Amino acid sequence: MINKVYVQVDTKDKVIELVDYISKHDLLSFDIESNSLNVRKGKIIGFSVSANPGEGYYLPTMQFVGGEYRDWE
């Protein structure tokens, strides 16, 4: 069984940790997260990065408040 470790990047220290993680790996998987399957109507709400199975980082680009996605204030 894979020990899973996923980190939500929500502080300045975690951004630094994410940059360090990216710089230490030669091969990464990158995924853009959206709030819709419709590419013309959906908004990018974050992205994820992983170098190995069971680990990764998620960086939200929008916040979910009151049942809807909003830009960070």
N, C-alpha and C. Protein backbone atom coordinates (compact mmCIF):
# COMPACT_ATOMS: atom_id res chain seq x y z
N MET A 1 0.83 -1.19 0.00
CA MET A 1 0.00 0.00 0.00
C MET A 1 0.88 1.25 0.00
N ILE A 2 0.48 2.24 -0.78
CA ILE A 2 1.22 3.49 -0.89
C ILE A 2 0.80 4.42 0.24
N ASN A 3 1.78 4.95 0.96
CA ASN A 3 1.52 5.97 1.96
C ASN A 3 1.27 7.28 1.22
N LYS A 4 0.07 7.84 1.34
CA LYS A 4 -0.30 9.03 0.56
C LYS A 4 -0.07 10.31 1.36
N VAL A 5 0.57 11.26 0.69
CA VAL A 5 0.82 12.57 1.30
C VAL A 5 0.50 13.64 0.26
N TYR A 6 -0.57 14.37 0.51
CA TYR A 6 -0.97 15.46 -0.38
C TYR A 6 -0.99 16.76 0.43
N VAL A 7 -0.45 17.81 -0.15
CA VAL A 7 -0.31 19.08 0.56
C VAL A 7 -1.10 20.17 -0.17
N GLN A 8 -1.96 20.86 0.56
CA GLN A 8 -2.63 22.03 -0.01
C GLN A 8 -1.74 23.24 0.23
N VAL A 9 -1.38 23.90 -0.83
CA VAL A 9 -0.47 25.04 -0.74
C VAL A 9 -1.30 26.28 -0.40
N ASP A 10 -1.28 26.64 0.88
CA ASP A 10 -2.11 27.75 1.34
C ASP A 10 -1.37 28.75 2.22
N THR A 11 -0.04 28.63 2.25
CA THR A 11 0.78 29.59 2.99
C THR A 11 2.04 29.89 2.17
N LYS A 12 2.72 30.96 2.54
CA LYS A 12 3.96 31.32 1.86
C LYS A 12 5.00 30.21 2.03
N ASP A 13 5.08 29.62 3.23
CA ASP A 13 6.03 28.53 3.47
C ASP A 13 5.75 27.32 2.59
N LYS A 14 4.46 27.03 2.35
CA LYS A 14 4.12 25.90 1.49
C LYS A 14 4.41 26.19 0.02
N VAL A 15 4.33 27.46 -0.38
CA VAL A 15 4.73 27.84 -1.75
C VAL A 15 6.23 27.58 -1.92
N ILE A 16 7.01 27.96 -0.94
CA ILE A 16 8.46 27.71 -0.98
C ILE A 16 8.73 26.21 -1.01
N GLU A 17 7.98 25.44 -0.23
CA GLU A 17 8.11 23.98 -0.23
C GLU A 17 7.76 23.39 -1.59
N LEU A 18 6.71 23.92 -2.23
CA LEU A 18 6.32 23.45 -3.57
C LEU A 18 7.41 23.75 -4.59
N VAL A 19 7.95 24.94 -4.59
CA VAL A 19 9.03 25.30 -5.52
C VAL A 19 10.24 24.40 -5.30
N ASP A 20 10.57 24.12 -4.06
CA ASP A 20 11.67 23.23 -3.74
C ASP A 20 11.39 21.81 -4.25
N TYR A 21 10.18 21.33 -4.06
CA TYR A 21 9.76 20.01 -4.54
C TYR A 21 9.92 19.91 -6.05
N ILE A 22 9.43 20.93 -6.76
CA ILE A 22 9.52 20.94 -8.22
C ILE A 22 10.98 20.93 -8.68
N SER A 23 11.82 21.71 -8.03
CA SER A 23 13.22 21.82 -8.45
C SER A 23 14.02 20.55 -8.19
N LYS A 24 13.56 19.70 -7.30
CA LYS A 24 14.28 18.47 -6.96
C LYS A 24 13.93 17.27 -7.84
N HIS A 25 12.96 17.43 -8.73
CA HIS A 25 12.52 16.30 -9.56
C HIS A 25 12.68 16.62 -11.04
N ASP A 26 13.11 15.61 -11.80
CA ASP A 26 13.29 15.77 -13.24
C ASP A 26 12.01 15.54 -14.03
N LEU A 27 11.10 14.74 -13.47
CA LEU A 27 9.86 14.39 -14.16
C LEU A 27 8.68 14.65 -13.23
N LEU A 28 7.72 15.44 -13.71
CA LEU A 28 6.56 15.81 -12.91
C LEU A 28 5.28 15.59 -13.69
N SER A 29 4.22 15.32 -12.95
CA SER A 29 2.89 15.30 -13.51
C SER A 29 2.21 16.60 -13.08
N PHE A 30 1.56 17.26 -14.02
CA PHE A 30 0.92 18.54 -13.76
C PHE A 30 -0.52 18.45 -14.22
N ASP A 31 -1.45 18.92 -13.40
CA ASP A 31 -2.87 18.85 -13.76
C ASP A 31 -3.55 20.16 -13.40
N ILE A 32 -4.33 20.66 -14.32
CA ILE A 32 -5.11 21.87 -14.07
C ILE A 32 -6.49 21.42 -13.61
N GLU A 33 -6.96 21.99 -12.50
CA GLU A 33 -8.28 21.69 -11.97
C GLU A 33 -9.24 22.81 -12.38
N SER A 34 -10.44 22.43 -12.80
CA SER A 34 -11.43 23.43 -13.19
C SER A 34 -12.76 23.12 -12.52
N ASN A 35 -13.67 24.06 -12.59
CA ASN A 35 -14.98 23.86 -11.98
C ASN A 35 -16.02 23.37 -12.98
N SER A 36 -15.58 22.99 -14.18
CA SER A 36 -16.49 22.52 -15.21
C SER A 36 -15.76 21.65 -16.22
N LEU A 37 -16.51 20.76 -16.85
CA LEU A 37 -15.94 19.98 -17.95
C LEU A 37 -16.03 20.74 -19.27
N ASN A 38 -16.79 21.82 -19.30
CA ASN A 38 -16.93 22.65 -20.48
C ASN A 38 -15.74 23.61 -20.54
N VAL A 39 -14.87 23.43 -21.52
CA VAL A 39 -13.64 24.23 -21.59
C VAL A 39 -13.90 25.71 -21.87
N ARG A 40 -15.05 26.04 -22.40
CA ARG A 40 -15.35 27.45 -22.70
C ARG A 40 -16.02 28.17 -21.53
N LYS A 41 -16.65 27.42 -20.64
CA LYS A 41 -17.35 28.05 -19.53
C LYS A 41 -16.65 27.85 -18.19
N GLY A 42 -15.81 26.83 -18.11
CA GLY A 42 -15.15 26.52 -16.85
C GLY A 42 -14.06 27.51 -16.49
N LYS A 43 -13.81 27.61 -15.18
CA LYS A 43 -12.73 28.46 -14.68
C LYS A 43 -11.67 27.58 -14.05
N ILE A 44 -10.42 27.98 -14.20
CA ILE A 44 -9.33 27.27 -13.54
C ILE A 44 -9.39 27.62 -12.06
N ILE A 45 -9.51 26.59 -11.22
CA ILE A 45 -9.62 26.82 -9.78
C ILE A 45 -8.36 26.39 -9.03
N GLY A 46 -7.42 25.77 -9.74
CA GLY A 46 -6.18 25.37 -9.10
C GLY A 46 -5.39 24.44 -9.98
N PHE A 47 -4.21 24.06 -9.49
CA PHE A 47 -3.42 23.07 -10.20
C PHE A 47 -2.70 22.17 -9.22
N SER A 48 -2.38 20.99 -9.70
CA SER A 48 -1.69 20.03 -8.85
C SER A 48 -0.42 19.56 -9.54
N VAL A 49 0.55 19.19 -8.71
CA VAL A 49 1.85 18.73 -9.19
C VAL A 49 2.24 17.50 -8.39
N SER A 50 2.77 16.50 -9.08
CA SER A 50 3.24 15.29 -8.40
C SER A 50 4.44 14.71 -9.14
N ALA A 51 5.36 14.16 -8.36
CA ALA A 51 6.52 13.50 -8.95
C ALA A 51 6.47 11.99 -8.74
N ASN A 52 5.67 11.53 -7.79
CA ASN A 52 5.60 10.11 -7.45
C ASN A 52 4.17 9.74 -7.07
N PRO A 53 3.79 8.47 -7.26
CA PRO A 53 2.47 8.02 -6.84
C PRO A 53 2.24 8.27 -5.35
N GLY A 54 1.05 8.76 -5.03
CA GLY A 54 0.69 8.95 -3.63
C GLY A 54 1.19 10.22 -2.98
N GLU A 55 1.77 11.12 -3.77
CA GLU A 55 2.23 12.39 -3.20
C GLU A 55 1.97 13.51 -4.18
N GLY A 56 1.80 14.70 -3.66
CA GLY A 56 1.60 15.82 -4.55
C GLY A 56 1.22 17.08 -3.80
N TYR A 57 1.13 18.15 -4.56
CA TYR A 57 0.80 19.45 -4.05
C TYR A 57 -0.37 20.01 -4.85
N TYR A 58 -1.27 20.69 -4.16
CA TYR A 58 -2.40 21.35 -4.81
C TYR A 58 -2.36 22.83 -4.46
N LEU A 59 -2.35 23.68 -5.48
CA LEU A 59 -2.33 25.13 -5.30
C LEU A 59 -3.63 25.71 -5.85
N PRO A 60 -4.54 26.11 -4.95
CA PRO A 60 -5.79 26.71 -5.43
C PRO A 60 -5.54 28.11 -6.01
N THR A 61 -6.24 28.42 -7.09
CA THR A 61 -6.16 29.76 -7.68
C THR A 61 -7.42 30.56 -7.41
N MET A 62 -8.45 29.89 -6.89
CA MET A 62 -9.69 30.54 -6.49
C MET A 62 -10.12 29.95 -5.16
N GLN A 63 -11.02 30.63 -4.47
CA GLN A 63 -11.54 30.11 -3.21
C GLN A 63 -13.02 29.78 -3.36
N PHE A 64 -13.48 28.76 -2.63
CA PHE A 64 -14.87 28.33 -2.67
C PHE A 64 -15.58 28.92 -1.46
N VAL A 65 -16.48 29.88 -1.70
CA VAL A 65 -17.17 30.59 -0.61
C VAL A 65 -18.65 30.67 -0.96
N GLY A 66 -19.50 30.29 -0.01
CA GLY A 66 -20.93 30.43 -0.20
C GLY A 66 -21.46 29.68 -1.40
N GLY A 67 -20.87 28.53 -1.70
CA GLY A 67 -21.34 27.70 -2.80
C GLY A 67 -20.86 28.10 -4.18
N GLU A 68 -19.89 29.03 -4.24
CA GLU A 68 -19.36 29.43 -5.55
C GLU A 68 -17.88 29.73 -5.45
N TYR A 69 -17.21 29.67 -6.60
CA TYR A 69 -15.78 29.98 -6.65
C TYR A 69 -15.60 31.47 -6.84
N ARG A 70 -14.65 32.03 -6.08
CA ARG A 70 -14.36 33.46 -6.16
C ARG A 70 -12.85 33.66 -6.25
N ASP A 71 -12.48 34.79 -6.86
CA ASP A 71 -11.07 35.16 -6.88
C ASP A 71 -10.61 35.45 -5.45
N TRP A 72 -9.33 35.25 -5.19
CA TRP A 72 -8.78 35.57 -3.89
C TRP A 72 -8.84 37.08 -3.67
N GLU A 73 -9.17 37.47 -2.48
CA GLU A 73 -9.25 38.90 -2.15
C GLU A 73 -8.01 39.33 -1.41
